[in-house]
Each structure stands twice: as structure tokens, then as C-alpha cells.
Amino acid sequence: MSDITAVPARVLATDACTSLVAKLVAQHGPVMFHQSGGCCDGSAPMCYPQGEFLLGDHDVQLGEIAGAPFYMTRAQFEYWKHTQLIIDICGTPATQVGPVDDLKVNMPVAAPVEVDA
């Protein structure tokens, strides 16, 4: 019997995404993700070496992608708190997703799925 009171994971990643994160960690050490509320590239999850992006009281951790913590601002979380984010990668258009050296990949947030908070 399943536990119907369990809250679904707030952030998931495709196999392609988790594979890429594993490669990043192997090359650069631990990484983290931050989903800002900006526009354009700022709307995509940004990848940073773990500890390089300064977190504050205004950030919340939604979960992890392949062991890498995934954060979002508290204000943005208020808009997205009833959703489940699915993170994927795509090759074009290639954009810088963070200051991790030469990483050029777009990590779009797939269509959010409603979840109960």
C-alpha cells in the first residue's frame, strides 16, 4: 500500500541530465544549481561549483539532481510551490548555464506538474 500523504519530489531530472551532472562533478568537483527568477538565460537553472554561489535566507532547497543541491529564491518558490520541476538538457540553442568553465548546454525546465504541498 502506498503512502498517499507523501509529497512528491519537487525537482526531478532526466537520465540525460543526471548523466551530464555526473560528468560535471567528475571534471569540476561538487556542483550546485540555482533557479533564479530572471528572464532569458536567468530563467534556466544555473550550474555553479558548490559553494561559489552565495546562498541566503531568501533561497530554499527544492531537492537534488544526481546529488547536486537545487535551489530557488523563496519569492519564486511561492509561485512554483505547487509544481514539480523536471530538468532536462538540450543541445541547441547552446547557452552558458553557469560559470563552470566551458559548459555549453541548455537545461530547460519542462512543463511543471501540479503537486499538493
N, C-alpha and C. Protein backbone atom coordinates (compact mmCIF):
# COMPACT_ATOMS: atom_id res chain seq x y z
N MET A 1 0.85 -1.17 0.00
CA MET A 1 0.00 0.00 0.00
C MET A 1 0.89 1.24 0.00
N SER A 2 0.62 2.19 -0.88
CA SER A 2 1.44 3.39 -0.96
C SER A 2 0.96 4.46 0.02
N ASP A 3 1.87 5.34 0.40
CA ASP A 3 1.57 6.42 1.33
C ASP A 3 1.03 7.60 0.53
N ILE A 4 -0.27 7.85 0.59
CA ILE A 4 -0.87 8.93 -0.19
C ILE A 4 -0.60 10.30 0.41
N THR A 5 -0.02 10.35 1.60
CA THR A 5 0.29 11.64 2.21
C THR A 5 1.70 12.10 1.86
N ALA A 6 2.49 11.25 1.21
CA ALA A 6 3.86 11.62 0.85
C ALA A 6 3.84 12.73 -0.21
N VAL A 7 4.69 13.71 -0.04
CA VAL A 7 4.80 14.81 -1.00
C VAL A 7 5.76 14.37 -2.11
N PRO A 8 5.35 14.49 -3.38
CA PRO A 8 6.25 14.12 -4.48
C PRO A 8 7.49 15.01 -4.49
N ALA A 9 8.56 14.50 -5.06
CA ALA A 9 9.78 15.30 -5.20
C ALA A 9 9.47 16.58 -5.97
N ARG A 10 10.03 17.68 -5.53
CA ARG A 10 9.78 18.97 -6.18
C ARG A 10 10.61 19.17 -7.43
N VAL A 11 11.75 18.50 -7.52
CA VAL A 11 12.60 18.61 -8.70
C VAL A 11 13.09 17.22 -9.10
N LEU A 12 12.93 16.92 -10.38
CA LEU A 12 13.39 15.67 -10.97
C LEU A 12 14.29 16.01 -12.14
N ALA A 13 15.05 15.05 -12.60
CA ALA A 13 15.92 15.25 -13.76
C ALA A 13 15.85 14.02 -14.65
N THR A 14 15.98 14.25 -15.94
CA THR A 14 16.01 13.13 -16.89
C THR A 14 17.33 12.39 -16.75
N ASP A 15 17.38 11.20 -17.32
CA ASP A 15 18.62 10.42 -17.31
C ASP A 15 19.76 11.19 -17.98
N ALA A 16 19.45 11.87 -19.09
CA ALA A 16 20.48 12.65 -19.79
C ALA A 16 21.04 13.74 -18.88
N CYS A 17 20.19 14.37 -18.12
CA CYS A 17 20.62 15.43 -17.21
C CYS A 17 21.48 14.87 -16.09
N THR A 18 21.04 13.79 -15.46
CA THR A 18 21.83 13.22 -14.36
C THR A 18 23.18 12.71 -14.86
N SER A 19 23.23 12.21 -16.08
CA SER A 19 24.49 11.77 -16.66
C SER A 19 25.43 12.97 -16.86
N LEU A 20 24.90 14.07 -17.33
CA LEU A 20 25.71 15.28 -17.52
C LEU A 20 26.21 15.80 -16.17
N VAL A 21 25.37 15.80 -15.16
CA VAL A 21 25.79 16.26 -13.83
C VAL A 21 26.92 15.38 -13.31
N ALA A 22 26.83 14.07 -13.51
CA ALA A 22 27.90 13.17 -13.08
C ALA A 22 29.22 13.52 -13.78
N LYS A 23 29.16 13.84 -15.07
CA LYS A 23 30.37 14.24 -15.81
C LYS A 23 30.92 15.56 -15.28
N LEU A 24 30.05 16.50 -14.98
CA LEU A 24 30.49 17.78 -14.43
C LEU A 24 31.21 17.58 -13.10
N VAL A 25 30.63 16.76 -12.24
CA VAL A 25 31.22 16.50 -10.93
C VAL A 25 32.58 15.82 -11.09
N ALA A 26 32.68 14.89 -12.03
CA ALA A 26 33.95 14.20 -12.27
C ALA A 26 35.03 15.18 -12.74
N GLN A 27 34.64 16.18 -13.55
CA GLN A 27 35.60 17.14 -14.09
C GLN A 27 35.88 18.30 -13.14
N HIS A 28 34.86 18.77 -12.42
CA HIS A 28 34.98 20.03 -11.68
C HIS A 28 34.78 19.91 -10.18
N GLY A 29 34.43 18.74 -9.70
CA GLY A 29 34.10 18.59 -8.29
C GLY A 29 32.62 18.88 -8.06
N PRO A 30 32.20 18.93 -6.80
CA PRO A 30 30.78 19.12 -6.49
C PRO A 30 30.21 20.40 -7.11
N VAL A 31 28.98 20.29 -7.61
CA VAL A 31 28.29 21.43 -8.21
C VAL A 31 26.95 21.63 -7.51
N MET A 32 26.35 22.77 -7.79
CA MET A 32 25.02 23.09 -7.27
C MET A 32 24.24 23.81 -8.37
N PHE A 33 22.93 23.84 -8.22
CA PHE A 33 22.07 24.53 -9.18
C PHE A 33 21.25 25.59 -8.47
N HIS A 34 21.01 26.69 -9.19
CA HIS A 34 20.13 27.74 -8.67
C HIS A 34 19.22 28.19 -9.80
N GLN A 35 17.93 28.15 -9.54
CA GLN A 35 16.91 28.58 -10.50
C GLN A 35 16.50 29.99 -10.08
N SER A 36 16.98 30.98 -10.84
CA SER A 36 16.63 32.35 -10.48
C SER A 36 15.31 32.74 -11.13
N GLY A 37 14.80 33.88 -10.75
CA GLY A 37 13.54 34.35 -11.29
C GLY A 37 13.72 35.34 -12.41
N GLY A 38 14.90 35.39 -13.00
CA GLY A 38 15.18 36.35 -14.07
C GLY A 38 14.50 35.99 -15.37
N CYS A 39 14.88 36.70 -16.39
CA CYS A 39 14.33 36.40 -17.72
C CYS A 39 15.44 35.79 -18.57
N CYS A 40 15.07 35.29 -19.70
CA CYS A 40 16.02 34.72 -20.67
C CYS A 40 16.86 33.63 -20.03
N ASP A 41 18.21 33.73 -20.11
CA ASP A 41 19.08 32.69 -19.55
C ASP A 41 18.92 32.57 -18.05
N GLY A 42 18.53 33.65 -17.38
CA GLY A 42 18.33 33.62 -15.94
C GLY A 42 17.14 32.78 -15.52
N SER A 43 16.30 32.40 -16.47
CA SER A 43 15.14 31.56 -16.16
C SER A 43 15.49 30.08 -16.19
N ALA A 44 16.66 29.76 -16.69
CA ALA A 44 17.11 28.37 -16.72
C ALA A 44 17.92 28.09 -15.46
N PRO A 45 17.94 26.84 -15.01
CA PRO A 45 18.79 26.52 -13.87
C PRO A 45 20.24 26.84 -14.18
N MET A 46 20.91 27.49 -13.26
CA MET A 46 22.31 27.85 -13.42
C MET A 46 23.15 26.87 -12.61
N CYS A 47 24.26 26.41 -13.19
CA CYS A 47 25.14 25.44 -12.55
C CYS A 47 26.40 26.16 -12.06
N TYR A 48 26.75 25.94 -10.80
CA TYR A 48 27.92 26.58 -10.19
C TYR A 48 28.74 25.52 -9.45
N PRO A 49 30.05 25.77 -9.32
CA PRO A 49 30.81 24.92 -8.39
C PRO A 49 30.19 25.09 -7.00
N GLN A 50 30.03 24.01 -6.28
CA GLN A 50 29.36 24.08 -4.98
C GLN A 50 30.10 25.05 -4.06
N GLY A 51 29.33 25.97 -3.48
CA GLY A 51 29.88 26.97 -2.58
C GLY A 51 30.27 28.27 -3.26
N GLU A 52 30.31 28.31 -4.61
CA GLU A 52 30.69 29.54 -5.30
C GLU A 52 29.53 30.52 -5.38
N PHE A 53 28.31 30.03 -5.44
CA PHE A 53 27.12 30.89 -5.46
C PHE A 53 26.71 31.09 -4.01
N LEU A 54 26.68 32.34 -3.59
CA LEU A 54 26.36 32.65 -2.20
C LEU A 54 24.86 32.56 -1.97
N LEU A 55 24.45 31.63 -1.13
CA LEU A 55 23.04 31.46 -0.79
C LEU A 55 22.71 32.31 0.42
N GLY A 56 21.43 32.67 0.53
CA GLY A 56 20.99 33.45 1.67
C GLY A 56 19.68 32.94 2.22
N ASP A 57 19.13 33.67 3.17
CA ASP A 57 17.85 33.30 3.77
C ASP A 57 16.72 33.32 2.75
N HIS A 58 16.93 33.99 1.63
CA HIS A 58 15.90 34.10 0.61
C HIS A 58 15.90 32.92 -0.36
N ASP A 59 16.78 31.94 -0.15
CA ASP A 59 16.86 30.77 -1.02
C ASP A 59 16.34 29.53 -0.29
N VAL A 60 15.68 28.64 -1.03
CA VAL A 60 15.20 27.38 -0.49
C VAL A 60 15.72 26.24 -1.36
N GLN A 61 16.03 25.11 -0.74
CA GLN A 61 16.47 23.95 -1.49
C GLN A 61 15.25 23.11 -1.83
N LEU A 62 15.06 22.87 -3.14
CA LEU A 62 13.93 22.07 -3.60
C LEU A 62 14.24 20.58 -3.60
N GLY A 63 15.49 20.25 -3.76
CA GLY A 63 15.88 18.85 -3.85
C GLY A 63 17.29 18.75 -4.39
N GLU A 64 17.56 17.65 -5.07
CA GLU A 64 18.88 17.41 -5.64
C GLU A 64 18.75 16.81 -7.02
N ILE A 65 19.76 17.08 -7.84
CA ILE A 65 19.89 16.44 -9.15
C ILE A 65 21.19 15.66 -9.10
N ALA A 66 21.10 14.35 -9.12
CA ALA A 66 22.28 13.49 -9.07
C ALA A 66 23.20 13.87 -7.92
N GLY A 67 22.63 14.18 -6.77
CA GLY A 67 23.40 14.53 -5.60
C GLY A 67 23.77 16.00 -5.50
N ALA A 68 23.51 16.79 -6.54
CA ALA A 68 23.81 18.22 -6.53
C ALA A 68 22.59 18.99 -6.04
N PRO A 69 22.74 19.81 -5.00
CA PRO A 69 21.58 20.54 -4.48
C PRO A 69 21.00 21.52 -5.50
N PHE A 70 19.69 21.67 -5.46
CA PHE A 70 18.95 22.53 -6.40
C PHE A 70 18.17 23.55 -5.58
N TYR A 71 18.47 24.85 -5.79
CA TYR A 71 17.87 25.94 -5.02
C TYR A 71 17.04 26.87 -5.90
N MET A 72 16.19 27.62 -5.24
CA MET A 72 15.34 28.63 -5.89
C MET A 72 15.10 29.73 -4.85
N THR A 73 14.87 30.95 -5.31
CA THR A 73 14.57 32.01 -4.35
C THR A 73 13.21 31.73 -3.71
N ARG A 74 13.07 32.14 -2.47
CA ARG A 74 11.82 31.93 -1.74
C ARG A 74 10.65 32.60 -2.46
N ALA A 75 10.88 33.80 -3.00
CA ALA A 75 9.82 34.52 -3.70
C ALA A 75 9.35 33.74 -4.93
N GLN A 76 10.29 33.19 -5.69
CA GLN A 76 9.90 32.40 -6.87
C GLN A 76 9.23 31.10 -6.43
N PHE A 77 9.71 30.51 -5.35
CA PHE A 77 9.11 29.28 -4.84
C PHE A 77 7.63 29.49 -4.53
N GLU A 78 7.26 30.66 -4.04
CA GLU A 78 5.85 30.94 -3.75
C GLU A 78 4.98 30.75 -4.99
N TYR A 79 5.51 31.09 -6.17
CA TYR A 79 4.76 30.89 -7.43
C TYR A 79 4.78 29.45 -7.89
N TRP A 80 5.85 28.71 -7.57
CA TRP A 80 6.06 27.36 -8.09
C TRP A 80 5.83 26.27 -7.05
N LYS A 81 5.38 26.59 -5.87
CA LYS A 81 5.32 25.61 -4.79
C LYS A 81 4.35 24.46 -5.03
N HIS A 82 3.45 24.58 -5.95
CA HIS A 82 2.51 23.50 -6.25
C HIS A 82 2.90 22.74 -7.51
N THR A 83 4.18 22.85 -7.88
CA THR A 83 4.62 22.19 -9.11
C THR A 83 5.80 21.26 -8.84
N GLN A 84 6.02 20.39 -9.81
CA GLN A 84 7.19 19.53 -9.81
C GLN A 84 7.98 19.90 -11.05
N LEU A 85 9.24 20.31 -10.87
CA LEU A 85 10.08 20.70 -12.00
C LEU A 85 10.82 19.49 -12.53
N ILE A 86 10.86 19.35 -13.84
CA ILE A 86 11.59 18.27 -14.48
C ILE A 86 12.69 18.92 -15.32
N ILE A 87 13.94 18.68 -14.92
CA ILE A 87 15.08 19.31 -15.57
C ILE A 87 15.64 18.37 -16.63
N ASP A 88 15.90 18.92 -17.82
CA ASP A 88 16.40 18.15 -18.95
C ASP A 88 17.54 18.95 -19.56
N ILE A 89 18.19 18.39 -20.56
CA ILE A 89 19.20 19.12 -21.31
C ILE A 89 18.83 19.08 -22.78
N CYS A 90 19.33 20.05 -23.52
CA CYS A 90 19.19 20.02 -24.97
C CYS A 90 20.41 20.69 -25.55
N GLY A 91 20.75 20.33 -26.77
CA GLY A 91 21.99 20.83 -27.37
C GLY A 91 21.87 22.18 -28.03
N THR A 92 20.70 22.58 -28.47
CA THR A 92 20.57 23.86 -29.15
C THR A 92 19.31 24.57 -28.68
N PRO A 93 19.30 25.86 -28.57
CA PRO A 93 20.48 26.68 -28.71
C PRO A 93 21.37 26.52 -27.49
N ALA A 94 22.65 26.39 -27.71
CA ALA A 94 23.59 26.20 -26.60
C ALA A 94 23.77 27.52 -25.86
N THR A 95 23.61 27.48 -24.58
CA THR A 95 23.81 28.68 -23.77
C THR A 95 24.65 28.32 -22.56
N GLN A 96 25.33 29.30 -22.04
CA GLN A 96 26.11 29.10 -20.81
C GLN A 96 25.11 28.96 -19.68
N VAL A 97 25.18 27.88 -18.92
CA VAL A 97 24.24 27.70 -17.81
C VAL A 97 24.89 27.99 -16.47
N GLY A 98 26.09 28.48 -16.50
CA GLY A 98 26.75 28.85 -15.26
C GLY A 98 28.23 28.98 -15.49
N PRO A 99 28.93 29.40 -14.47
CA PRO A 99 30.36 29.66 -14.65
C PRO A 99 31.25 28.43 -14.53
N VAL A 100 30.73 27.26 -14.81
CA VAL A 100 31.54 26.04 -14.75
C VAL A 100 32.27 25.91 -16.08
N ASP A 101 33.43 26.56 -16.17
CA ASP A 101 34.31 26.53 -17.33
C ASP A 101 33.58 26.61 -18.66
N ASP A 102 33.75 25.59 -19.50
CA ASP A 102 33.26 25.65 -20.87
C ASP A 102 31.92 24.94 -21.06
N LEU A 103 31.16 24.78 -20.01
CA LEU A 103 29.87 24.11 -20.13
C LEU A 103 28.95 24.92 -21.02
N LYS A 104 28.52 24.32 -22.10
CA LYS A 104 27.59 24.98 -23.01
C LYS A 104 26.42 24.03 -23.26
N VAL A 105 25.39 24.17 -22.48
CA VAL A 105 24.22 23.31 -22.63
C VAL A 105 23.02 24.05 -22.07
N ASN A 106 21.88 23.84 -22.67
CA ASN A 106 20.65 24.47 -22.19
C ASN A 106 19.94 23.45 -21.31
N MET A 107 19.55 23.86 -20.11
CA MET A 107 18.84 22.96 -19.19
C MET A 107 17.45 23.53 -18.94
N PRO A 108 16.52 23.29 -19.84
CA PRO A 108 15.20 23.87 -19.66
C PRO A 108 14.40 23.17 -18.55
N VAL A 109 13.50 23.91 -17.99
CA VAL A 109 12.56 23.32 -17.04
C VAL A 109 11.37 22.86 -17.88
N ALA A 110 11.10 21.57 -17.85
CA ALA A 110 9.96 21.03 -18.61
C ALA A 110 8.67 21.54 -18.00
N ALA A 111 7.59 21.31 -18.67
CA ALA A 111 6.29 21.77 -18.19
C ALA A 111 6.07 21.32 -16.75
N PRO A 112 5.81 22.25 -15.86
CA PRO A 112 5.61 21.90 -14.45
C PRO A 112 4.39 20.99 -14.27
N VAL A 113 4.47 20.13 -13.30
CA VAL A 113 3.39 19.21 -12.96
C VAL A 113 2.84 19.64 -11.60
N GLU A 114 1.53 19.75 -11.49
CA GLU A 114 0.92 20.16 -10.22
C GLU A 114 1.13 19.08 -9.16
N VAL A 115 1.51 19.51 -7.97
CA VAL A 115 1.63 18.60 -6.82
C VAL A 115 0.94 19.27 -5.64
N ASP A 116 0.54 18.48 -4.69
CA ASP A 116 -0.03 19.03 -3.46
C ASP A 116 1.09 19.38 -2.51
N ALA A 117 1.01 20.57 -1.91
CA ALA A 117 2.08 20.99 -1.00
C ALA A 117 1.85 20.47 0.39
